[in-house]
Amino acid sequence: MLQVTGIERKFIIKRGNEAIELSDPNTDWTPERVKSFFEDNYSELTNATIDNKGIIDDVLVYEFGSNPKVKG
């Protein structure tokens, strides 16, 4: 019998050359909700973008990156 299970997710904050890995606080949450959850501890997430890096080693990876502002 085939059993269907959810895929593990990993969230990464990029700080220059450094990568901080965050655990998934709730598998039912959207990536936007996860970002919001961690904003109090990581202020750079307030304006961060969310990049779905796809499945890497059987884990769905999301990366929170900086959102450079464009001067106009």
C-alpha atoms as a PDB file:
ATOM      1  CA  MET A   1       0.000   0.000   0.000  1.00  0.00           C
ATOM      2  CA  LEU A   2       1.300   3.430  -0.943  1.00  0.00           C
ATOM      3  CA  GLN A   3       1.408   5.987   1.856  1.00  0.00           C
ATOM      4  CA  VAL A   4       1.296   9.711   1.103  1.00  0.00           C
ATOM      5  CA  THR A   5       3.279  11.964   3.413  1.00  0.00           C
ATOM      6  CA  GLY A   6       4.086  15.666   3.354  1.00  0.00           C
ATOM      7  CA  ILE A   7       7.458  16.832   2.204  1.00  0.00           C
ATOM      8  CA  GLU A   8       9.881  18.362   4.685  1.00  0.00           C
ATOM      9  CA  ARG A   9      10.470  22.093   4.232  1.00  0.00           C
ATOM     10  CA  LYS A  10      13.516  24.169   5.069  1.00  0.00           C
ATOM     11  CA  PHE A  11      13.704  27.957   5.285  1.00  0.00           C
ATOM     12  CA  ILE A  12      16.983  29.801   4.824  1.00  0.00           C
ATOM     13  CA  ILE A  13      17.862  33.433   5.522  1.00  0.00           C
ATOM     14  CA  LYS A  14      20.691  34.789   3.393  1.00  0.00           C
ATOM     15  CA  ARG A  15      22.951  37.357   5.086  1.00  0.00           C
ATOM     16  CA  GLY A  16      25.698  38.115   2.601  1.00  0.00           C
ATOM     17  CA  ASN A  17      27.750  34.920   2.440  1.00  0.00           C
ATOM     18  CA  GLU A  18      26.088  33.480   5.549  1.00  0.00           C
ATOM     19  CA  ALA A  19      23.030  31.214   5.469  1.00  0.00           C
ATOM     20  CA  ILE A  20      20.854  30.699   8.546  1.00  0.00           C
ATOM     21  CA  GLU A  21      18.614  27.632   8.475  1.00  0.00           C
ATOM     22  CA  LEU A  22      15.221  27.933  10.175  1.00  0.00           C
ATOM     23  CA  SER A  23      13.000  25.066  11.185  1.00  0.00           C
ATOM     24  CA  ASP A  24       9.461  24.813   9.857  1.00  0.00           C
ATOM     25  CA  PRO A  25       7.213  26.070  12.690  1.00  0.00           C
ATOM     26  CA  ASN A  26       4.017  24.668  11.162  1.00  0.00           C
ATOM     27  CA  THR A  27       3.726  22.557   8.025  1.00  0.00           C
ATOM     28  CA  ASP A  28       0.243  23.950   7.347  1.00  0.00           C
ATOM     29  CA  TRP A  29       1.503  27.541   7.070  1.00  0.00           C
ATOM     30  CA  THR A  30       2.327  29.256   3.797  1.00  0.00           C
ATOM     31  CA  PRO A  31       5.891  30.493   3.288  1.00  0.00           C
ATOM     32  CA  GLU A  32       4.564  34.043   3.784  1.00  0.00           C
ATOM     33  CA  ARG A  33       3.155  33.078   7.199  1.00  0.00           C
ATOM     34  CA  VAL A  34       6.458  31.430   8.180  1.00  0.00           C
ATOM     35  CA  LYS A  35       8.314  34.619   7.191  1.00  0.00           C
ATOM     36  CA  SER A  36       5.921  36.673   9.311  1.00  0.00           C
ATOM     37  CA  PHE A  37       6.403  34.303  12.260  1.00  0.00           C
ATOM     38  CA  PHE A  38      10.190  34.810  12.252  1.00  0.00           C
ATOM     39  CA  GLU A  39      10.149  38.599  11.638  1.00  0.00           C
ATOM     40  CA  ASP A  40      10.358  39.446  15.357  1.00  0.00           C
ATOM     41  CA  ASN A  41      13.660  37.575  15.662  1.00  0.00           C
ATOM     42  CA  TYR A  42      15.081  38.474  12.241  1.00  0.00           C
ATOM     43  CA  SER A  43      14.219  42.065  11.335  1.00  0.00           C
ATOM     44  CA  GLU A  44      15.657  41.670   7.820  1.00  0.00           C
ATOM     45  CA  LEU A  45      12.674  39.456   6.967  1.00  0.00           C
ATOM     46  CA  THR A  46      10.308  42.440   7.062  1.00  0.00           C
ATOM     47  CA  ASN A  47      11.139  43.364   3.460  1.00  0.00           C
ATOM     48  CA  ALA A  48      12.594  40.034   2.341  1.00  0.00           C
ATOM     49  CA  THR A  49      11.612  38.184  -0.789  1.00  0.00           C
ATOM     50  CA  ILE A  50      10.711  34.480  -0.768  1.00  0.00           C
ATOM     51  CA  ASP A  51      12.441  32.326  -3.363  1.00  0.00           C
ATOM     52  CA  ASN A  52      11.314  28.723  -3.850  1.00  0.00           C
ATOM     53  CA  LYS A  53      14.568  26.866  -4.589  1.00  0.00           C
ATOM     54  CA  GLY A  54      12.708  23.635  -5.305  1.00  0.00           C
ATOM     55  CA  ILE A  55      13.348  20.187  -3.879  1.00  0.00           C
ATOM     56  CA  ILE A  56      16.952  19.580  -2.842  1.00  0.00           C
ATOM     57  CA  ASP A  57      17.847  16.224  -1.261  1.00  0.00           C
ATOM     58  CA  ASP A  58      14.146  15.415  -0.698  1.00  0.00           C
ATOM     59  CA  VAL A  59      13.548  18.730   1.137  1.00  0.00           C
ATOM     60  CA  LEU A  60      11.560  21.678  -0.246  1.00  0.00           C
ATOM     61  CA  VAL A  61      13.818  24.701   0.234  1.00  0.00           C
ATOM     62  CA  TYR A  62      12.682  28.317   0.539  1.00  0.00           C
ATOM     63  CA  GLU A  63      15.164  31.165   0.753  1.00  0.00           C
ATOM     64  CA  PHE A  64      14.442  34.542   2.320  1.00  0.00           C
ATOM     65  CA  GLY A  65      16.580  37.131   0.563  1.00  0.00           C
ATOM     66  CA  SER A  66      17.111  40.840   0.658  1.00  0.00           C
ATOM     67  CA  ASN A  67      14.864  43.069  -1.379  1.00  0.00           C
ATOM     68  CA  PRO A  68      17.081  45.909  -2.593  1.00  0.00           C
ATOM     69  CA  LYS A  69      15.214  49.158  -2.916  1.00  0.00           C
ATOM     70  CA  VAL A  70      15.432  50.980  -6.213  1.00  0.00           C
ATOM     71  CA  LYS A  71      15.973  54.717  -6.013  1.00  0.00           C
ATOM     72  CA  GLY A  72      14.010  56.681  -8.489  1.00  0.00           C
END
